[in-house]
C-alpha cells in the first residue's frame, strides 16, 4: 500500500478517509458510520483528528488502507 502520495498533509485523517465516500455521494450519517467502523477495525480511531504529517509511518499506512477499504471494494481472488 503506497501512502505517501495518497495522504494530503493539509487534510485531517477523517477527511482523507471520507474523501472517496463523498465522491460517491454518501450522506454524512453513512460516512460517519463507515469511518467509525473502519477506524475501529484498524485501530486508528484515536488519530482521526490529526493531520497525516503528524503520523508515524505505520499510522500513515493504516490511513491509506482505510481510505481504500472504506468503499467496500469487491473481494477478488488471484
PDB file of N, CA and C in Angstrom:
ATOM      1  N   UNK A   1       0.858  -1.168   0.000  1.00  0.00           N
ATOM      2  CA  UNK A   1       0.000   0.000   0.000  1.00  0.00           C
ATOM      3  C   UNK A   1       0.900   1.227   0.000  1.00  0.00           C
ATOM      4  N   UNK A   2       0.772   2.059  -1.006  1.00  0.00           N
ATOM      5  CA  UNK A   2       1.532   3.302  -1.070  1.00  0.00           C
ATOM      6  C   UNK A   2       0.786   4.368  -0.292  1.00  0.00           C
ATOM      7  N   UNK A   3       1.459   5.012   0.660  1.00  0.00           N
ATOM      8  CA  UNK A   3       0.758   6.007   1.439  1.00  0.00           C
ATOM      9  C   UNK A   3       1.234   7.429   1.166  1.00  0.00           C
ATOM     10  N   UNK A   4       2.451   7.617   0.722  1.00  0.00           N
ATOM     11  CA  UNK A   4       2.985   8.977   0.638  1.00  0.00           C
ATOM     12  C   UNK A   4       2.204   9.856  -0.332  1.00  0.00           C
ATOM     13  N   UNK A   5       1.795   9.343  -1.472  1.00  0.00           N
ATOM     14  CA  UNK A   5       1.064  10.163  -2.434  1.00  0.00           C
ATOM     15  C   UNK A   5      -0.431  10.194  -2.149  1.00  0.00           C
ATOM     16  N   UNK A   6      -0.909   9.277  -1.304  1.00  0.00           N
ATOM     17  CA  UNK A   6      -2.347   9.173  -1.048  1.00  0.00           C
ATOM     18  C   UNK A   6      -2.798  10.023   0.134  1.00  0.00           C
ATOM     19  N   UNK A   7      -1.864  10.553   0.907  1.00  0.00           N
ATOM     20  CA  UNK A   7      -2.204  11.307   2.099  1.00  0.00           C
ATOM     21  C   UNK A   7      -1.835  12.769   1.908  1.00  0.00           C
ATOM     22  N   UNK A   8      -2.798  13.619   2.060  1.00  0.00           N
ATOM     23  CA  UNK A   8      -2.575  15.049   1.890  1.00  0.00           C
ATOM     24  C   UNK A   8      -2.167  15.651   3.224  1.00  0.00           C
ATOM     25  N   UNK A   9      -1.051  16.378   3.292  1.00  0.00           N
ATOM     26  CA  UNK A   9      -0.558  16.885   4.578  1.00  0.00           C
ATOM     27  C   UNK A   9      -1.439  17.961   5.210  1.00  0.00           C
ATOM     28  N   UNK A  10      -2.276  18.612   4.444  1.00  0.00           N
ATOM     29  CA  UNK A  10      -3.110  19.704   4.964  1.00  0.00           C
ATOM     30  C   UNK A  10      -4.547  19.280   5.246  1.00  0.00           C
ATOM     31  N   UNK A  11      -4.806  17.979   5.242  1.00  0.00           N
ATOM     32  CA  UNK A  11      -6.154  17.454   5.479  1.00  0.00           C
ATOM     33  C   UNK A  11      -6.089  16.465   6.641  1.00  0.00           C
ATOM     34  N   UNK A  12      -7.076  16.511   7.505  1.00  0.00           N
ATOM     35  CA  UNK A  12      -7.111  15.596   8.649  1.00  0.00           C
ATOM     36  C   UNK A  12      -7.454  14.180   8.195  1.00  0.00           C
ATOM     37  N   UNK A  13      -7.038  13.227   9.004  1.00  0.00           N
ATOM     38  CA  UNK A  13      -7.225  11.800   8.708  1.00  0.00           C
ATOM     39  C   UNK A  13      -8.687  11.491   8.407  1.00  0.00           C
ATOM     40  N   UNK A  14      -9.602  12.013   9.202  1.00  0.00           N
ATOM     41  CA  UNK A  14     -11.031  11.763   8.984  1.00  0.00           C
ATOM     42  C   UNK A  14     -11.426  12.143   7.557  1.00  0.00           C
ATOM     43  N   UNK A  15     -10.994  13.308   7.111  1.00  0.00           N
ATOM     44  CA  UNK A  15     -11.367  13.786   5.780  1.00  0.00           C
ATOM     45  C   UNK A  15     -10.684  13.010   4.665  1.00  0.00           C
ATOM     46  N   UNK A  16      -9.479  12.504   4.928  1.00  0.00           N
ATOM     47  CA  UNK A  16      -8.803  11.659   3.933  1.00  0.00           C
ATOM     48  C   UNK A  16      -9.606  10.381   3.709  1.00  0.00           C
ATOM     49  N   UNK A  17     -10.061   9.778   4.800  1.00  0.00           N
ATOM     50  CA  UNK A  17     -10.838   8.542   4.691  1.00  0.00           C
ATOM     51  C   UNK A  17     -12.219   8.820   4.107  1.00  0.00           C
ATOM     52  N   UNK A  18     -12.795   9.969   4.429  1.00  0.00           N
ATOM     53  CA  UNK A  18     -14.137  10.315   3.950  1.00  0.00           C
ATOM     54  C   UNK A  18     -14.157  10.688   2.472  1.00  0.00           C
ATOM     55  N   UNK A  19     -13.030  11.119   1.928  1.00  0.00           N
ATOM     56  CA  UNK A  19     -12.990  11.628   0.557  1.00  0.00           C
ATOM     57  C   UNK A  19     -13.622  10.690  -0.476  1.00  0.00           C
ATOM     58  N   UNK A  20     -13.249   9.407  -0.520  1.00  0.00           N
ATOM     59  CA  UNK A  20     -13.874   8.532  -1.530  1.00  0.00           C
ATOM     60  C   UNK A  20     -15.385   8.394  -1.350  1.00  0.00           C
ATOM     61  N   UNK A  21     -15.845   8.454  -0.109  1.00  0.00           N
ATOM     62  CA  UNK A  21     -17.280   8.342   0.144  1.00  0.00           C
ATOM     63  C   UNK A  21     -18.019   9.599  -0.307  1.00  0.00           C
ATOM     64  N   UNK A  22     -17.390  10.734  -0.135  1.00  0.00           N
ATOM     65  CA  UNK A  22     -18.012  11.982  -0.602  1.00  0.00           C
ATOM     66  C   UNK A  22     -18.096  12.016  -2.124  1.00  0.00           C
ATOM     67  N   UNK A  23     -17.082  11.489  -2.786  1.00  0.00           N
ATOM     68  CA  UNK A  23     -17.100  11.395  -4.247  1.00  0.00           C
ATOM     69  C   UNK A  23     -18.260  10.512  -4.701  1.00  0.00           C
ATOM     70  N   UNK A  24     -18.531   9.458  -3.942  1.00  0.00           N
ATOM     71  CA  UNK A  24     -19.619   8.536  -4.265  1.00  0.00           C
ATOM     72  C   UNK A  24     -20.979   9.028  -3.766  1.00  0.00           C
ATOM     73  N   UNK A  25     -21.008  10.225  -3.180  1.00  0.00           N
ATOM     74  CA  UNK A  25     -22.241  10.897  -2.750  1.00  0.00           C
ATOM     75  C   UNK A  25     -22.960  10.198  -1.598  1.00  0.00           C
ATOM     76  N   UNK A  26     -22.173   9.636  -0.662  1.00  0.00           N
ATOM     77  CA  UNK A  26     -22.760   9.087   0.552  1.00  0.00           C
ATOM     78  C   UNK A  26     -23.206  10.247   1.436  1.00  0.00           C
ATOM     79  N   UNK A  27     -24.261  10.043   2.230  1.00  0.00           N
ATOM     80  CA  UNK A  27     -24.682  11.103   3.148  1.00  0.00           C
ATOM     81  C   UNK A  27     -23.771  11.099   4.383  1.00  0.00           C
ATOM     82  N   UNK A  28     -23.802  12.187   5.146  1.00  0.00           N
ATOM     83  CA  UNK A  28     -22.894  12.355   6.280  1.00  0.00           C
ATOM     84  C   UNK A  28     -23.053  11.276   7.345  1.00  0.00           C
ATOM     85  N   UNK A  29     -24.272  10.845   7.590  1.00  0.00           N
ATOM     86  CA  UNK A  29     -24.511   9.800   8.582  1.00  0.00           C
ATOM     87  C   UNK A  29     -23.827   8.494   8.179  1.00  0.00           C
ATOM     88  N   UNK A  30     -23.957   8.140   6.918  1.00  0.00           N
ATOM     89  CA  UNK A  30     -23.326   6.914   6.409  1.00  0.00           C
ATOM     90  C   UNK A  30     -21.805   7.050   6.410  1.00  0.00           C
ATOM     91  N   UNK A  31     -21.298   8.216   6.069  1.00  0.00           N
ATOM     92  CA  UNK A  31     -19.855   8.455   6.095  1.00  0.00           C
ATOM     93  C   UNK A  31     -19.330   8.276   7.512  1.00  0.00           C
ATOM     94  N   UNK A  32     -19.995   8.891   8.484  1.00  0.00           N
ATOM     95  CA  UNK A  32     -19.571   8.766   9.881  1.00  0.00           C
ATOM     96  C   UNK A  32     -19.569   7.313  10.339  1.00  0.00           C
ATOM     97  N   UNK A  33     -20.611   6.572   9.975  1.00  0.00           N
ATOM     98  CA  UNK A  33     -20.715   5.173  10.382  1.00  0.00           C
ATOM     99  C   UNK A  33     -19.583   4.341   9.780  1.00  0.00           C
ATOM    100  N   UNK A  34     -19.336   4.522   8.485  1.00  0.00           N
ATOM    101  CA  UNK A  34     -18.303   3.740   7.808  1.00  0.00           C
ATOM    102  C   UNK A  34     -16.909   4.077   8.328  1.00  0.00           C
ATOM    103  N   UNK A  35     -16.658   5.357   8.583  1.00  0.00           N
ATOM    104  CA  UNK A  35     -15.342   5.751   9.087  1.00  0.00           C
ATOM    105  C   UNK A  35     -15.123   5.199  10.488  1.00  0.00           C
ATOM    106  N   UNK A  36     -16.132   5.270  11.339  1.00  0.00           N
ATOM    107  CA  UNK A  36     -16.002   4.728  12.692  1.00  0.00           C
ATOM    108  C   UNK A  36     -15.725   3.232  12.632  1.00  0.00           C
ATOM    109  N   UNK A  37     -16.433   2.541  11.763  1.00  0.00           N
ATOM    110  CA  UNK A  37     -16.268   1.089  11.636  1.00  0.00           C
ATOM    111  C   UNK A  37     -14.850   0.735  11.187  1.00  0.00           C
ATOM    112  N   UNK A  38     -14.366   1.359  10.120  1.00  0.00           N
ATOM    113  CA  UNK A  38     -13.047   1.022   9.594  1.00  0.00           C
ATOM    114  C   UNK A  38     -11.947   1.484  10.540  1.00  0.00           C
ATOM    115  N   UNK A  39     -12.147   2.616  11.212  1.00  0.00           N
ATOM    116  CA  UNK A  39     -11.155   3.114  12.171  1.00  0.00           C
ATOM    117  C   UNK A  39     -11.036   2.167  13.367  1.00  0.00           C
ATOM    118  N   UNK A  40     -12.147   1.619  13.812  1.00  0.00           N
ATOM    119  CA  UNK A  40     -12.128   0.660  14.916  1.00  0.00           C
ATOM    120  C   UNK A  40     -11.401  -0.618  14.513  1.00  0.00           C
ATOM    121  N   UNK A  41     -11.674  -1.090  13.316  1.00  0.00           N
ATOM    122  CA  UNK A  41     -11.040  -2.322  12.824  1.00  0.00           C
ATOM    123  C   UNK A  41      -9.525  -2.151  12.728  1.00  0.00           C
ATOM    124  N   UNK A  42      -9.089  -0.988  12.215  1.00  0.00           N
ATOM    125  CA  UNK A  42      -7.658  -0.756  12.012  1.00  0.00           C
ATOM    126  C   UNK A  42      -6.961  -0.135  13.222  1.00  0.00           C
ATOM    127  N   UNK A  43      -7.716   0.192  14.258  1.00  0.00           N
ATOM    128  CA  UNK A  43      -7.129   0.757  15.460  1.00  0.00           C
ATOM    129  C   UNK A  43      -6.623   2.182  15.299  1.00  0.00           C
ATOM    130  N   UNK A  44      -7.331   2.982  14.482  1.00  0.00           N
ATOM    131  CA  UNK A  44      -6.892   4.361  14.250  1.00  0.00           C
ATOM    132  C   UNK A  44      -7.935   5.391  14.675  1.00  0.00           C
ATOM    133  N   UNK A  45      -8.897   4.966  15.476  1.00  0.00           N
ATOM    134  CA  UNK A  45      -9.958   5.888  15.907  1.00  0.00           C
ATOM    135  C   UNK A  45      -9.397   7.085  16.674  1.00  0.00           C
ATOM    136  N   UNK A  46      -8.284   6.888  17.352  1.00  0.00           N
ATOM    137  CA  UNK A  46      -7.700   7.958  18.159  1.00  0.00           C
ATOM    138  C   UNK A  46      -6.907   8.985  17.352  1.00  0.00           C
ATOM    139  N   UNK A  47      -6.725   8.763  16.060  1.00  0.00           N
ATOM    140  CA  UNK A  47      -5.938   9.712  15.253  1.00  0.00           C
ATOM    141  C   UNK A  47      -6.770  10.395  14.166  1.00  0.00           C
ATOM    142  N   UNK A  48      -8.067  10.256  14.202  1.00  0.00           N
ATOM    143  CA  UNK A  48      -8.914  10.817  13.145  1.00  0.00           C
ATOM    144  C   UNK A  48      -8.836  12.345  13.065  1.00  0.00           C
ATOM    145  N   UNK A  49      -8.487  13.006  14.158  1.00  0.00           N
ATOM    146  CA  UNK A  49      -8.407  14.473  14.149  1.00  0.00           C
ATOM    147  C   UNK A  49      -7.004  15.003  13.905  1.00  0.00           C
ATOM    148  N   UNK A  50      -6.075  14.132  13.578  1.00  0.00           N
ATOM    149  CA  UNK A  50      -4.698  14.556  13.292  1.00  0.00           C
ATOM    150  C   UNK A  50      -4.512  14.765  11.793  1.00  0.00           C
ATOM    151  N   UNK A  51      -3.471  15.504  11.461  1.00  0.00           N
ATOM    152  CA  UNK A  51      -3.063  15.660  10.072  1.00  0.00           C
ATOM    153  C   UNK A  51      -2.105  14.523   9.726  1.00  0.00           C
ATOM    154  N   UNK A  52      -2.079  14.114   8.478  1.00  0.00           N
ATOM    155  CA  UNK A  52      -1.256  12.970   8.080  1.00  0.00           C
ATOM    156  C   UNK A  52       0.227  13.215   8.334  1.00  0.00           C
ATOM    157  N   UNK A  53       0.649  14.446   8.276  1.00  0.00           N
ATOM    158  CA  UNK A  53       2.059  14.767   8.502  1.00  0.00           C
ATOM    159  C   UNK A  53       2.469  14.500   9.953  1.00  0.00           C
ATOM    160  N   UNK A  54       1.505  14.409  10.857  1.00  0.00           N
ATOM    161  CA  UNK A  54       1.770  14.170  12.273  1.00  0.00           C
ATOM    162  C   UNK A  54       1.826  12.677  12.618  1.00  0.00           C
ATOM    163  N   UNK A  55       1.659  11.811  11.634  1.00  0.00           N
ATOM    164  CA  UNK A  55       1.550  10.377  11.892  1.00  0.00           C
ATOM    165  C   UNK A  55       2.859   9.649  11.666  1.00  0.00           C
ATOM    166  N   UNK A  56       3.001   8.518  12.338  1.00  0.00           N
ATOM    167  CA  UNK A  56       4.138   7.637  12.085  1.00  0.00           C
ATOM    168  C   UNK A  56       3.918   6.923  10.750  1.00  0.00           C
ATOM    169  N   UNK A  57       4.935   6.255  10.279  1.00  0.00           N
ATOM    170  CA  UNK A  57       4.822   5.523   9.018  1.00  0.00           C
ATOM    171  C   UNK A  57       3.746   4.453   9.059  1.00  0.00           C
ATOM    172  N   UNK A  58       3.667   3.729  10.165  1.00  0.00           N
ATOM    173  CA  UNK A  58       2.646   2.691  10.307  1.00  0.00           C
ATOM    174  C   UNK A  58       1.242   3.264  10.334  1.00  0.00           C
ATOM    175  N   UNK A  59       1.094   4.388  11.018  1.00  0.00           N
ATOM    176  CA  UNK A  59      -0.215   5.044  11.050  1.00  0.00           C
ATOM    177  C   UNK A  59      -0.592   5.542   9.660  1.00  0.00           C
ATOM    178  N   UNK A  60       0.358   6.063   8.913  1.00  0.00           N
ATOM    179  CA  UNK A  60       0.083   6.520   7.550  1.00  0.00           C
ATOM    180  C   UNK A  60      -0.369   5.363   6.677  1.00  0.00           C
ATOM    181  N   UNK A  61       0.268   4.214   6.848  1.00  0.00           N
ATOM    182  CA  UNK A  61      -0.139   3.034   6.079  1.00  0.00           C
ATOM    183  C   UNK A  61      -1.567   2.633   6.414  1.00  0.00           C
ATOM    184  N   UNK A  62      -1.913   2.671   7.686  1.00  0.00           N
ATOM    185  CA  UNK A  62      -3.271   2.309   8.093  1.00  0.00           C
ATOM    186  C   UNK A  62      -4.301   3.285   7.538  1.00  0.00           C
ATOM    187  N   UNK A  63      -3.978   4.567   7.503  1.00  0.00           N
ATOM    188  CA  UNK A  63      -4.897   5.570   6.958  1.00  0.00           C
ATOM    189  C   UNK A  63      -5.084   5.351   5.464  1.00  0.00           C
ATOM    190  N   UNK A  64      -3.999   5.094   4.747  1.00  0.00           N
ATOM    191  CA  UNK A  64      -4.101   4.825   3.313  1.00  0.00           C
ATOM    192  C   UNK A  64      -4.940   3.574   3.063  1.00  0.00           C
ATOM    193  N   UNK A  65      -4.742   2.561   3.876  1.00  0.00           N
ATOM    194  CA  UNK A  65      -5.525   1.332   3.757  1.00  0.00           C
ATOM    195  C   UNK A  65      -6.996   1.604   4.060  1.00  0.00           C
ATOM    196  N   UNK A  66      -7.255   2.399   5.089  1.00  0.00           N
ATOM    197  CA  UNK A  66      -8.642   2.739   5.453  1.00  0.00           C
ATOM    198  C   UNK A  66      -9.346   3.458   4.320  1.00  0.00           C
ATOM    199  N   UNK A  67      -8.655   4.382   3.658  1.00  0.00           N
ATOM    200  CA  UNK A  67      -9.300   5.126   2.571  1.00  0.00           C
ATOM    201  C   UNK A  67      -9.608   4.221   1.383  1.00  0.00           C
ATOM    202  N   UNK A  68      -8.834   3.154   1.228  1.00  0.00           N
ATOM    203  CA  UNK A  68      -9.114   2.190   0.158  1.00  0.00           C
ATOM    204  C   UNK A  68     -10.243   1.238   0.557  1.00  0.00           C
ATOM    205  N   UNK A  69     -10.249   0.805   1.808  1.00  0.00           N
ATOM    206  CA  UNK A  69     -11.230  -0.183   2.257  1.00  0.00           C
ATOM    207  C   UNK A  69     -12.595   0.399   2.576  1.00  0.00           C
ATOM    208  N   UNK A  70     -12.664   1.676   2.874  1.00  0.00           N
ATOM    209  CA  UNK A  70     -13.925   2.281   3.299  1.00  0.00           C
ATOM    210  C   UNK A  70     -14.994   2.211   2.204  1.00  0.00           C
ATOM    211  N   UNK A  71     -14.573   2.070   0.968  1.00  0.00           N
ATOM    212  CA  UNK A  71     -15.521   1.977  -0.149  1.00  0.00           C
ATOM    213  C   UNK A  71     -16.103   0.582  -0.306  1.00  0.00           C
ATOM    214  N   UNK A  72     -15.665  -0.357   0.541  1.00  0.00           N
ATOM    215  CA  UNK A  72     -16.081  -1.763   0.440  1.00  0.00           C
ATOM    216  C   UNK A  72     -15.774  -2.338  -0.946  1.00  0.00           C
ATOM    217  N   UNK A  73     -14.496  -2.340  -1.322  1.00  0.00           N
ATOM    218  CA  UNK A  73     -14.156  -2.890  -2.637  1.00  0.00           C
ATOM    219  C   UNK A  73     -14.511  -4.367  -2.726  1.00  0.00           C
ATOM    220  N   UNK A  74     -14.802  -4.798  -3.906  1.00  0.00           N
ATOM    221  CA  UNK A  74     -15.147  -6.198  -4.110  1.00  0.00           C
ATOM    222  C   UNK A  74     -13.946  -7.069  -3.788  1.00  0.00           C
ATOM    223  N   UNK A  75     -14.220  -8.196  -3.197  1.00  0.00           N
ATOM    224  CA  UNK A  75     -13.145  -9.160  -2.943  1.00  0.00           C
ATOM    225  C   UNK A  75     -12.821  -9.833  -4.256  1.00  0.00           C
ATOM    226  N   UNK A  76     -11.552 -10.065  -4.474  1.00  0.00           N
ATOM    227  CA  UNK A  76     -11.175 -10.780  -5.706  1.00  0.00           C
ATOM    228  C   UNK A  76     -10.152 -11.856  -5.364  1.00  0.00           C
ATOM    229  N   UNK A  77     -10.131 -12.831  -6.155  1.00  0.00           N
ATOM    230  CA  UNK A  77      -9.193 -13.943  -5.959  1.00  0.00           C
ATOM    231  C   UNK A  77      -8.232 -13.962  -7.126  1.00  0.00           C
ATOM    232  N   UNK A  78      -6.997 -14.253  -6.817  1.00  0.00           N
ATOM    233  CA  UNK A  78      -5.976 -14.326  -7.868  1.00  0.00           C
ATOM    234  C   UNK A  78      -5.572 -15.748  -8.098  1.00  0.00           C
TER     235      UNK A  78
END
